[in-house]
Amino acid sequence: MQKFIGLGVALVTPFKEDFSVDVEALTKLVDFNIENGTNYLVIIGTTGESATISREEKELIIDVVVKTNNKRVPLVLGIGGNNTVEVVKELKSRDLSEIDGILSVAPYYSKPTQEGFYQHYKAIAEATEMSIILYNVPGRTARNMEPGTTLRLANDFKNVVAVKEAGNNQQQYYTLLKDKPKDFLIISGDDDLALGVTLAGGSGVISVIGQAFPGEFSKMIQFGLEGKNKEAYEIHYKMMDIINYIFEENNPAGIKAVLQELNICASTVRLPLVKATDNLHSKIANFVANF
């Protein structure tokens, strides 16, 4: 599973001012990341505003990223939700020939028990031979998938190869790292904890801020993988403020404000999200200008 080690980025979906998908900006974002050190790309995860993307738009976005990537880096596709039957149906019906892995978010809103999490992912694992990255993000799903459940899935299904853990819970990371099967990957989903997790034995990060600063963030993660603490933390400290800024109001409004300042895409988001406030955008602009 070397293809999912290092810096993965959860790509935003750029929109024009009329809220349509901005193909030109998406192409620019993909090229920018590949050319500056990103190791793999995640398409239409929750940072890509998957909740507001139509089926037709999803096809368009996948096509654009696949074509632009041109097999340069591995691709991970977001396929998840709280309707297990529909997730399985999409896995079985979608052409995944250009995709290297699936990122499947834990069921949201439904608040399943730990057994419910297990049965949901069991159905997904049995529906495909694709590599599956579990995605635990209790701040958004309202229920934590506990380490015992994650590790049970890792041990029971060979195609469950990793977890993107985004509970901002260091103790939970340590438990997973201590007890995981040898080849199972623990990937940080928390930009602020990514370096510490990597130094503790994690496999890197699926990052939001990384798509704006792929050169710096990929270098930091590589230093972490190599155990070069001093060099890694020098970059970490440079990035701390902007990581805090992008999550200050909502994601992905914050990162889109950064990308606007970098002239990569507009800051447009779809309702119910709104753009970063003027105050936040000012702080972001000042950071970018002085980075």
C-alpha atoms as a PDB file:
ATOM      1  CA  MET A   1       0.000   0.000   0.000  1.00  0.00           C
ATOM      2  CA  GLN A   2       2.947   2.290  -0.697  1.00  0.00           C
ATOM      3  CA  LYS A   3       0.688   4.339  -2.974  1.00  0.00           C
ATOM      4  CA  PHE A   4      -1.194   5.741   0.046  1.00  0.00           C
ATOM      5  CA  ILE A   5       1.863   6.834   2.032  1.00  0.00           C
ATOM      6  CA  GLY A   6       2.916  10.483   2.247  1.00  0.00           C
ATOM      7  CA  LEU A   7       0.823  13.518   1.331  1.00  0.00           C
ATOM      8  CA  GLY A   8      -2.628  12.887  -0.031  1.00  0.00           C
ATOM      9  CA  VAL A   9      -4.858  15.903  -0.584  1.00  0.00           C
ATOM     10  CA  ALA A  10      -8.624  16.129  -0.339  1.00  0.00           C
ATOM     11  CA  LEU A  11      -9.262  18.218  -3.439  1.00  0.00           C
ATOM     12  CA  VAL A  12     -11.811  20.999  -3.345  1.00  0.00           C
ATOM     13  CA  THR A  13     -14.303  21.251  -6.183  1.00  0.00           C
ATOM     14  CA  PRO A  14     -13.752  24.691  -7.755  1.00  0.00           C
ATOM     15  CA  PHE A  15     -16.922  26.533  -8.718  1.00  0.00           C
ATOM     16  CA  LYS A  16     -17.500  29.543 -10.927  1.00  0.00           C
ATOM     17  CA  GLU A  17     -19.521  32.474  -9.597  1.00  0.00           C
ATOM     18  CA  ASP A  18     -22.657  30.867 -11.068  1.00  0.00           C
ATOM     19  CA  PHE A  19     -21.905  27.741  -8.947  1.00  0.00           C
ATOM     20  CA  SER A  20     -21.102  25.528 -11.938  1.00  0.00           C
ATOM     21  CA  VAL A  21     -17.999  23.307 -11.802  1.00  0.00           C
ATOM     22  CA  ASP A  22     -14.917  25.232 -12.928  1.00  0.00           C
ATOM     23  CA  VAL A  23     -13.109  22.690 -15.105  1.00  0.00           C
ATOM     24  CA  GLU A  24     -10.213  25.010 -15.910  1.00  0.00           C
ATOM     25  CA  ALA A  25      -9.548  25.723 -12.224  1.00  0.00           C
ATOM     26  CA  LEU A  26      -9.815  22.037 -11.325  1.00  0.00           C
ATOM     27  CA  THR A  27      -7.260  21.200 -13.994  1.00  0.00           C
ATOM     28  CA  LYS A  28      -4.971  23.916 -12.640  1.00  0.00           C
ATOM     29  CA  LEU A  29      -5.348  22.617  -9.073  1.00  0.00           C
ATOM     30  CA  VAL A  30      -4.501  19.037 -10.064  1.00  0.00           C
ATOM     31  CA  ASP A  31      -1.426  20.077 -12.059  1.00  0.00           C
ATOM     32  CA  PHE A  32      -0.260  22.387  -9.267  1.00  0.00           C
ATOM     33  CA  ASN A  33      -0.396  19.579  -6.734  1.00  0.00           C
ATOM     34  CA  ILE A  34       1.255  16.905  -8.844  1.00  0.00           C
ATOM     35  CA  GLU A  35       4.025  19.245  -9.948  1.00  0.00           C
ATOM     36  CA  ASN A  36       4.776  20.286  -6.348  1.00  0.00           C
ATOM     37  CA  GLY A  37       5.042  16.974  -4.530  1.00  0.00           C
ATOM     38  CA  THR A  38       1.580  15.683  -3.630  1.00  0.00           C
ATOM     39  CA  ASN A  39       1.760  11.876  -3.524  1.00  0.00           C
ATOM     40  CA  TYR A  40      -1.897  11.070  -4.264  1.00  0.00           C
ATOM     41  CA  LEU A  41      -5.189  12.850  -4.877  1.00  0.00           C
ATOM     42  CA  VAL A  42      -8.594  12.311  -3.253  1.00  0.00           C
ATOM     43  CA  ILE A  43     -11.510  13.154  -5.548  1.00  0.00           C
ATOM     44  CA  ILE A  44     -14.906  14.288  -4.234  1.00  0.00           C
ATOM     45  CA  GLY A  45     -14.362  13.652  -0.575  1.00  0.00           C
ATOM     46  CA  THR A  46     -16.283  15.788   1.870  1.00  0.00           C
ATOM     47  CA  THR A  47     -13.863  18.690   1.266  1.00  0.00           C
ATOM     48  CA  GLY A  48     -14.933  18.438  -2.380  1.00  0.00           C
ATOM     49  CA  GLU A  49     -18.480  19.326  -1.212  1.00  0.00           C
ATOM     50  CA  SER A  50     -19.711  15.864  -2.156  1.00  0.00           C
ATOM     51  CA  ALA A  51     -23.045  16.517  -0.422  1.00  0.00           C
ATOM     52  CA  THR A  52     -23.940  19.130  -3.055  1.00  0.00           C
ATOM     53  CA  ILE A  53     -22.481  17.418  -6.145  1.00  0.00           C
ATOM     54  CA  SER A  54     -24.926  15.840  -8.598  1.00  0.00           C
ATOM     55  CA  ARG A  55     -24.308  12.445 -10.195  1.00  0.00           C
ATOM     56  CA  GLU A  56     -23.596  14.137 -13.536  1.00  0.00           C
ATOM     57  CA  GLU A  57     -21.149  16.558 -11.936  1.00  0.00           C
ATOM     58  CA  LYS A  58     -19.382  13.691 -10.194  1.00  0.00           C
ATOM     59  CA  GLU A  59     -18.811  12.036 -13.568  1.00  0.00           C
ATOM     60  CA  LEU A  60     -17.431  15.302 -14.956  1.00  0.00           C
ATOM     61  CA  ILE A  61     -15.088  15.864 -12.008  1.00  0.00           C
ATOM     62  CA  ILE A  62     -13.734  12.309 -12.155  1.00  0.00           C
ATOM     63  CA  ASP A  63     -13.148  12.599 -15.906  1.00  0.00           C
ATOM     64  CA  VAL A  64     -11.291  15.906 -15.551  1.00  0.00           C
ATOM     65  CA  VAL A  65      -9.049  14.674 -12.732  1.00  0.00           C
ATOM     66  CA  VAL A  66      -8.297  11.345 -14.437  1.00  0.00           C
ATOM     67  CA  LYS A  67      -7.431  13.046 -17.724  1.00  0.00           C
ATOM     68  CA  THR A  68      -5.317  15.745 -16.095  1.00  0.00           C
ATOM     69  CA  ASN A  69      -3.529  13.295 -13.835  1.00  0.00           C
ATOM     70  CA  ASN A  70      -2.641  11.054 -16.785  1.00  0.00           C
ATOM     71  CA  LYS A  71      -1.546   8.257 -14.416  1.00  0.00           C
ATOM     72  CA  ARG A  72       1.083  10.435 -12.719  1.00  0.00           C
ATOM     73  CA  VAL A  73      -0.093   9.801  -9.130  1.00  0.00           C
ATOM     74  CA  PRO A  74      -2.585   7.397  -7.510  1.00  0.00           C
ATOM     75  CA  LEU A  75      -6.209   8.492  -7.308  1.00  0.00           C
ATOM     76  CA  VAL A  76      -8.652   7.865  -4.458  1.00  0.00           C
ATOM     77  CA  LEU A  77     -12.385   8.388  -5.013  1.00  0.00           C
ATOM     78  CA  GLY A  78     -14.889   9.313  -2.323  1.00  0.00           C
ATOM     79  CA  ILE A  79     -17.776   6.839  -2.246  1.00  0.00           C
ATOM     80  CA  GLY A  80     -19.629   6.836   1.049  1.00  0.00           C
ATOM     81  CA  GLY A  81     -22.763   7.849   2.877  1.00  0.00           C
ATOM     82  CA  ASN A  82     -25.374   6.696   5.338  1.00  0.00           C
ATOM     83  CA  ASN A  83     -27.393   4.648   2.854  1.00  0.00           C
ATOM     84  CA  THR A  84     -25.396   1.422   2.721  1.00  0.00           C
ATOM     85  CA  VAL A  85     -27.409  -0.032  -0.165  1.00  0.00           C
ATOM     86  CA  GLU A  86     -26.751   3.030  -2.340  1.00  0.00           C
ATOM     87  CA  VAL A  87     -23.037   3.033  -1.511  1.00  0.00           C
ATOM     88  CA  VAL A  88     -22.814  -0.628  -2.537  1.00  0.00           C
ATOM     89  CA  LYS A  89     -24.816   0.080  -5.700  1.00  0.00           C
ATOM     90  CA  GLU A  90     -22.407   2.860  -6.715  1.00  0.00           C
ATOM     91  CA  LEU A  91     -19.377   0.668  -6.047  1.00  0.00           C
ATOM     92  CA  LYS A  92     -20.791  -2.079  -8.243  1.00  0.00           C
ATOM     93  CA  SER A  93     -21.947   0.175 -11.088  1.00  0.00           C
ATOM     94  CA  ARG A  94     -19.178   2.777 -11.407  1.00  0.00           C
ATOM     95  CA  ASP A  95     -16.188   2.366 -13.710  1.00  0.00           C
ATOM     96  CA  LEU A  96     -13.243   2.327 -11.302  1.00  0.00           C
ATOM     97  CA  SER A  97     -10.571   1.268 -13.782  1.00  0.00           C
ATOM     98  CA  GLU A  98      -8.614   4.516 -13.332  1.00  0.00           C
ATOM     99  CA  ILE A  99      -9.053   4.629  -9.553  1.00  0.00           C
ATOM    100  CA  ASP A 100      -6.574   3.160  -7.049  1.00  0.00           C
ATOM    101  CA  GLY A 101      -8.662   3.249  -3.898  1.00  0.00           C
ATOM    102  CA  ILE A 102     -11.944   4.259  -2.286  1.00  0.00           C
ATOM    103  CA  LEU A 103     -12.317   6.681   0.636  1.00  0.00           C
ATOM    104  CA  SER A 104     -15.591   5.876   2.382  1.00  0.00           C
ATOM    105  CA  VAL A 105     -16.818   8.232   5.070  1.00  0.00           C
ATOM    106  CA  ALA A 106     -18.459   6.754   8.159  1.00  0.00           C
ATOM    107  CA  PRO A 107     -22.268   6.944   8.055  1.00  0.00           C
ATOM    108  CA  TYR A 108     -23.417  10.385   9.140  1.00  0.00           C
ATOM    109  CA  TYR A 109     -26.613  11.467  10.914  1.00  0.00           C
ATOM    110  CA  SER A 110     -27.804   7.884  11.511  1.00  0.00           C
ATOM    111  CA  LYS A 111     -25.485   7.486  14.551  1.00  0.00           C
ATOM    112  CA  PRO A 112     -24.981   3.714  14.216  1.00  0.00           C
ATOM    113  CA  THR A 113     -23.663   1.494  16.998  1.00  0.00           C
ATOM    114  CA  GLN A 114     -20.197  -0.006  16.639  1.00  0.00           C
ATOM    115  CA  GLU A 115     -21.820  -3.118  15.197  1.00  0.00           C
ATOM    116  CA  GLY A 116     -23.650  -0.888  12.728  1.00  0.00           C
ATOM    117  CA  PHE A 117     -20.335   0.608  11.594  1.00  0.00           C
ATOM    118  CA  TYR A 118     -18.919  -2.884  11.178  1.00  0.00           C
ATOM    119  CA  GLN A 119     -21.851  -4.206   9.151  1.00  0.00           C
ATOM    120  CA  HIS A 120     -21.877  -1.073   6.949  1.00  0.00           C
ATOM    121  CA  TYR A 121     -18.227  -1.448   6.031  1.00  0.00           C
ATOM    122  CA  LYS A 122     -18.535  -5.235   5.764  1.00  0.00           C
ATOM    123  CA  ALA A 123     -21.128  -4.729   3.028  1.00  0.00           C
ATOM    124  CA  ILE A 124     -18.831  -2.273   1.258  1.00  0.00           C
ATOM    125  CA  ALA A 125     -15.756  -4.499   1.530  1.00  0.00           C
ATOM    126  CA  GLU A 126     -17.661  -7.473   0.149  1.00  0.00           C
ATOM    127  CA  ALA A 127     -19.040  -5.426  -2.766  1.00  0.00           C
ATOM    128  CA  THR A 128     -15.668  -4.617  -4.357  1.00  0.00           C
ATOM    129  CA  GLU A 129     -12.072  -5.744  -4.687  1.00  0.00           C
ATOM    130  CA  MET A 130     -10.909  -2.112  -4.562  1.00  0.00           C
ATOM    131  CA  SER A 131      -8.662  -0.954  -1.738  1.00  0.00           C
ATOM    132  CA  ILE A 132     -10.829   0.764   0.874  1.00  0.00           C
ATOM    133  CA  ILE A 133      -9.752   3.587   3.185  1.00  0.00           C
ATOM    134  CA  LEU A 134     -12.154   3.958   6.100  1.00  0.00           C
ATOM    135  CA  TYR A 135     -12.875   7.556   7.096  1.00  0.00           C
ATOM    136  CA  ASN A 136     -13.710   8.306  10.711  1.00  0.00           C
ATOM    137  CA  VAL A 137     -14.712  11.939  11.277  1.00  0.00           C
ATOM    138  CA  PRO A 138     -16.977  12.080  14.351  1.00  0.00           C
ATOM    139  CA  GLY A 139     -17.118  15.874  14.386  1.00  0.00           C
ATOM    140  CA  ARG A 140     -19.184  15.654  11.205  1.00  0.00           C
ATOM    141  CA  THR A 141     -20.897  12.278  11.553  1.00  0.00           C
ATOM    142  CA  ALA A 142     -21.942  12.637  15.220  1.00  0.00           C
ATOM    143  CA  ARG A 143     -20.584   9.199  16.162  1.00  0.00           C
ATOM    144  CA  ASN A 144     -17.029   7.982  16.749  1.00  0.00           C
ATOM    145  CA  MET A 145     -15.919   4.719  15.171  1.00  0.00           C
ATOM    146  CA  GLU A 146     -13.864   3.284  17.983  1.00  0.00           C
ATOM    147  CA  PRO A 147     -10.426   1.698  17.456  1.00  0.00           C
ATOM    148  CA  GLY A 148     -11.757  -1.772  18.203  1.00  0.00           C
ATOM    149  CA  THR A 149     -14.198  -1.503  15.304  1.00  0.00           C
ATOM    150  CA  THR A 150     -11.592  -0.111  12.913  1.00  0.00           C
ATOM    151  CA  LEU A 151      -9.116  -2.857  13.801  1.00  0.00           C
ATOM    152  CA  ARG A 152     -11.793  -5.553  13.555  1.00  0.00           C
ATOM    153  CA  LEU A 153     -12.468  -4.436   9.985  1.00  0.00           C
ATOM    154  CA  ALA A 154      -8.735  -4.271   9.226  1.00  0.00           C
ATOM    155  CA  ASN A 155      -8.267  -7.836  10.415  1.00  0.00           C
ATOM    156  CA  ASP A 156     -11.364  -9.275   8.754  1.00  0.00           C
ATOM    157  CA  PHE A 157     -11.125  -7.786   5.230  1.00  0.00           C
ATOM    158  CA  LYS A 158      -7.903  -7.738   3.220  1.00  0.00           C
ATOM    159  CA  ASN A 159      -9.130  -4.874   1.012  1.00  0.00           C
ATOM    160  CA  VAL A 160      -9.694  -2.618   4.029  1.00  0.00           C
ATOM    161  CA  VAL A 161      -6.174  -1.226   3.856  1.00  0.00           C
ATOM    162  CA  ALA A 162      -6.218   2.028   5.835  1.00  0.00           C
ATOM    163  CA  VAL A 163      -8.164   4.456   7.954  1.00  0.00           C
ATOM    164  CA  LYS A 164      -8.263   8.212   7.599  1.00  0.00           C
ATOM    165  CA  GLU A 165      -8.669   9.079  11.262  1.00  0.00           C
ATOM    166  CA  ALA A 166     -10.020  12.590  11.843  1.00  0.00           C
ATOM    167  CA  GLY A 167     -11.275  12.624  15.415  1.00  0.00           C
ATOM    168  CA  ASN A 168      -8.559  15.057  16.561  1.00  0.00           C
ATOM    169  CA  ASN A 169      -7.927  12.525  19.330  1.00  0.00           C
ATOM    170  CA  GLN A 170      -4.257  11.729  19.950  1.00  0.00           C
ATOM    171  CA  GLN A 171      -4.987   8.821  22.290  1.00  0.00           C
ATOM    172  CA  GLN A 172      -7.147   7.190  19.620  1.00  0.00           C
ATOM    173  CA  TYR A 173      -4.319   7.548  17.101  1.00  0.00           C
ATOM    174  CA  TYR A 174      -1.891   5.918  19.526  1.00  0.00           C
ATOM    175  CA  THR A 175      -4.256   3.017  20.176  1.00  0.00           C
ATOM    176  CA  LEU A 176      -4.641   2.396  16.464  1.00  0.00           C
ATOM    177  CA  LEU A 177      -0.894   2.615  15.869  1.00  0.00           C
ATOM    178  CA  LYS A 178      -0.151   0.262  18.765  1.00  0.00           C
ATOM    179  CA  ASP A 179      -2.638  -2.449  17.822  1.00  0.00           C
ATOM    180  CA  LYS A 180      -2.938  -2.268  14.030  1.00  0.00           C
ATOM    181  CA  PRO A 181      -2.067  -5.166  11.692  1.00  0.00           C
ATOM    182  CA  LYS A 182       1.416  -4.800  10.236  1.00  0.00           C
ATOM    183  CA  ASP A 183       0.442  -3.514   6.782  1.00  0.00           C
ATOM    184  CA  PHE A 184      -2.625  -1.487   7.793  1.00  0.00           C
ATOM    185  CA  LEU A 185      -2.131   2.259   7.329  1.00  0.00           C
ATOM    186  CA  ILE A 186      -3.080   4.920   9.871  1.00  0.00           C
ATOM    187  CA  ILE A 187      -3.526   8.152   7.909  1.00  0.00           C
ATOM    188  CA  SER A 188      -4.083  11.448   9.671  1.00  0.00           C
ATOM    189  CA  GLY A 189      -7.177  13.394   8.699  1.00  0.00           C
ATOM    190  CA  ASP A 190      -6.237  16.230  11.041  1.00  0.00           C
ATOM    191  CA  ASP A 191      -3.821  18.724   9.484  1.00  0.00           C
ATOM    192  CA  ASP A 192      -2.751  20.029  12.878  1.00  0.00           C
ATOM    193  CA  LEU A 193      -1.836  16.542  14.154  1.00  0.00           C
ATOM    194  CA  ALA A 194      -0.470  15.139  10.887  1.00  0.00           C
ATOM    195  CA  LEU A 195       3.207  15.483  11.726  1.00  0.00           C
ATOM    196  CA  GLY A 196       2.901  14.041  15.222  1.00  0.00           C
ATOM    197  CA  VAL A 197       0.915  11.068  13.910  1.00  0.00           C
ATOM    198  CA  THR A 198       3.454  10.450  11.154  1.00  0.00           C
ATOM    199  CA  LEU A 199       6.375  10.595  13.591  1.00  0.00           C
ATOM    200  CA  ALA A 200       4.529   8.143  15.862  1.00  0.00           C
ATOM    201  CA  GLY A 201       4.315   5.565  13.069  1.00  0.00           C
ATOM    202  CA  GLY A 202       1.501   6.838  10.861  1.00  0.00           C
ATOM    203  CA  SER A 203       1.595   6.793   7.074  1.00  0.00           C
ATOM    204  CA  GLY A 204       1.089  10.496   6.422  1.00  0.00           C
ATOM    205  CA  VAL A 205      -2.008  12.571   5.888  1.00  0.00           C
ATOM    206  CA  ILE A 206      -5.006  13.205   3.676  1.00  0.00           C
ATOM    207  CA  SER A 207      -4.815  16.963   3.966  1.00  0.00           C
ATOM    208  CA  VAL A 208      -6.895  20.028   3.264  1.00  0.00           C
ATOM    209  CA  ILE A 209      -4.168  22.677   3.549  1.00  0.00           C
ATOM    210  CA  GLY A 210      -1.711  20.494   1.630  1.00  0.00           C
ATOM    211  CA  GLN A 211      -3.347  21.345  -1.702  1.00  0.00           C
ATOM    212  CA  ALA A 212      -2.434  25.008  -1.236  1.00  0.00           C
ATOM    213  CA  PHE A 213       1.137  24.383  -0.038  1.00  0.00           C
ATOM    214  CA  PRO A 214       2.007  20.962  -1.471  1.00  0.00           C
ATOM    215  CA  GLY A 215       5.731  21.601  -1.666  1.00  0.00           C
ATOM    216  CA  GLU A 216       6.076  22.486   1.998  1.00  0.00           C
ATOM    217  CA  PHE A 217       3.537  20.035   3.354  1.00  0.00           C
ATOM    218  CA  SER A 218       4.847  17.049   1.378  1.00  0.00           C
ATOM    219  CA  LYS A 219       8.373  17.845   2.530  1.00  0.00           C
ATOM    220  CA  MET A 220       7.201  18.040   6.147  1.00  0.00           C
ATOM    221  CA  ILE A 221       5.471  14.668   5.913  1.00  0.00           C
ATOM    222  CA  GLN A 222       8.503  13.092   4.228  1.00  0.00           C
ATOM    223  CA  PHE A 223      10.730  14.386   7.005  1.00  0.00           C
ATOM    224  CA  GLY A 224       8.257  12.862   9.454  1.00  0.00           C
ATOM    225  CA  LEU A 225       8.373   9.486   7.698  1.00  0.00           C
ATOM    226  CA  GLU A 226      12.168   9.632   7.881  1.00  0.00           C
ATOM    227  CA  GLY A 227      12.132  10.546  11.579  1.00  0.00           C
ATOM    228  CA  LYS A 228      13.733  13.944  10.965  1.00  0.00           C
ATOM    229  CA  ASN A 229      11.934  15.731  13.783  1.00  0.00           C
ATOM    230  CA  LYS A 230      13.793  19.038  13.752  1.00  0.00           C
ATOM    231  CA  GLU A 231      13.451  19.644  10.022  1.00  0.00           C
ATOM    232  CA  ALA A 232       9.808  18.567  10.045  1.00  0.00           C
ATOM    233  CA  TYR A 233       8.789  20.789  12.942  1.00  0.00           C
ATOM    234  CA  GLU A 234      10.372  23.841  11.336  1.00  0.00           C
ATOM    235  CA  ILE A 235       7.787  23.505   8.559  1.00  0.00           C
ATOM    236  CA  HIS A 236       4.998  22.558  10.965  1.00  0.00           C
ATOM    237  CA  TYR A 237       5.428  25.758  12.948  1.00  0.00           C
ATOM    238  CA  LYS A 238       5.371  27.835   9.750  1.00  0.00           C
ATOM    239  CA  MET A 239       2.032  26.251   8.819  1.00  0.00           C
ATOM    240  CA  MET A 240       0.254  26.372  12.176  1.00  0.00           C
ATOM    241  CA  ASP A 241      -1.534  29.697  11.724  1.00  0.00           C
ATOM    242  CA  ILE A 242      -2.929  28.949   8.273  1.00  0.00           C
ATOM    243  CA  ILE A 243      -4.150  25.521   9.402  1.00  0.00           C
ATOM    244  CA  ASN A 244      -6.063  27.207  12.212  1.00  0.00           C
ATOM    245  CA  TYR A 245      -7.449  29.849   9.846  1.00  0.00           C
ATOM    246  CA  ILE A 246      -8.884  27.450   7.261  1.00  0.00           C
ATOM    247  CA  PHE A 247     -10.965  25.639   9.868  1.00  0.00           C
ATOM    248  CA  GLU A 248     -11.997  28.747  11.788  1.00  0.00           C
ATOM    249  CA  GLU A 249     -15.408  29.054  10.082  1.00  0.00           C
ATOM    250  CA  ASN A 250     -16.079  26.088   7.839  1.00  0.00           C
ATOM    251  CA  ASN A 251     -14.372  23.737   5.447  1.00  0.00           C
ATOM    252  CA  PRO A 252     -13.884  24.219   2.513  1.00  0.00           C
ATOM    253  CA  ALA A 253     -14.608  27.953   2.606  1.00  0.00           C
ATOM    254  CA  GLY A 254     -11.291  28.567   4.347  1.00  0.00           C
ATOM    255  CA  ILE A 255      -9.121  26.584   1.961  1.00  0.00           C
ATOM    256  CA  LYS A 256     -10.935  28.070  -1.035  1.00  0.00           C
ATOM    257  CA  ALA A 257     -10.058  31.543   0.263  1.00  0.00           C
ATOM    258  CA  VAL A 258      -6.406  30.440   0.338  1.00  0.00           C
ATOM    259  CA  LEU A 259      -6.629  29.037  -3.182  1.00  0.00           C
ATOM    260  CA  GLN A 260      -8.192  32.296  -4.387  1.00  0.00           C
ATOM    261  CA  GLU A 261      -5.243  34.213  -2.967  1.00  0.00           C
ATOM    262  CA  LEU A 262      -2.959  31.833  -4.881  1.00  0.00           C
ATOM    263  CA  ASN A 263      -4.937  32.502  -8.095  1.00  0.00           C
ATOM    264  CA  ILE A 264      -5.903  28.852  -8.467  1.00  0.00           C
ATOM    265  CA  CYS A 265      -9.693  29.038  -8.092  1.00  0.00           C
ATOM    266  CA  ALA A 266     -12.493  31.264  -6.839  1.00  0.00           C
ATOM    267  CA  SER A 267     -13.610  31.097  -3.224  1.00  0.00           C
ATOM    268  CA  THR A 268     -17.179  30.149  -4.210  1.00  0.00           C
ATOM    269  CA  VAL A 269     -18.893  27.456  -2.130  1.00  0.00           C
ATOM    270  CA  ARG A 270     -22.393  26.043  -2.394  1.00  0.00           C
ATOM    271  CA  LEU A 271     -25.144  26.563   0.139  1.00  0.00           C
ATOM    272  CA  PRO A 272     -25.618  25.858   2.960  1.00  0.00           C
ATOM    273  CA  LEU A 273     -21.949  26.886   3.148  1.00  0.00           C
ATOM    274  CA  VAL A 274     -20.983  30.507   2.569  1.00  0.00           C
ATOM    275  CA  LYS A 275     -17.687  32.186   1.712  1.00  0.00           C
ATOM    276  CA  ALA A 276     -15.179  33.098   4.410  1.00  0.00           C
ATOM    277  CA  THR A 277     -15.982  36.377   6.112  1.00  0.00           C
ATOM    278  CA  ASP A 278     -14.002  39.479   5.191  1.00  0.00           C
ATOM    279  CA  ASN A 279     -12.167  39.307   8.506  1.00  0.00           C
ATOM    280  CA  LEU A 280     -11.039  35.724   7.985  1.00  0.00           C
ATOM    281  CA  HIS A 281     -10.206  36.311   4.330  1.00  0.00           C
ATOM    282  CA  SER A 282      -8.032  39.264   5.366  1.00  0.00           C
ATOM    283  CA  LYS A 283      -6.052  37.079   7.780  1.00  0.00           C
ATOM    284  CA  ILE A 284      -5.628  34.424   5.106  1.00  0.00           C
ATOM    285  CA  ALA A 285      -4.535  36.967   2.491  1.00  0.00           C
ATOM    286  CA  ASN A 286      -1.965  38.403   4.883  1.00  0.00           C
ATOM    287  CA  PHE A 287      -0.554  34.936   5.620  1.00  0.00           C
ATOM    288  CA  VAL A 288      -0.272  34.042   1.923  1.00  0.00           C
ATOM    289  CA  ALA A 289       1.361  37.350   1.082  1.00  0.00           C
ATOM    290  CA  ASN A 290       4.016  36.894   3.748  1.00  0.00           C
ATOM    291  CA  PHE A 291       4.597  33.138   3.476  1.00  0.00           C
END
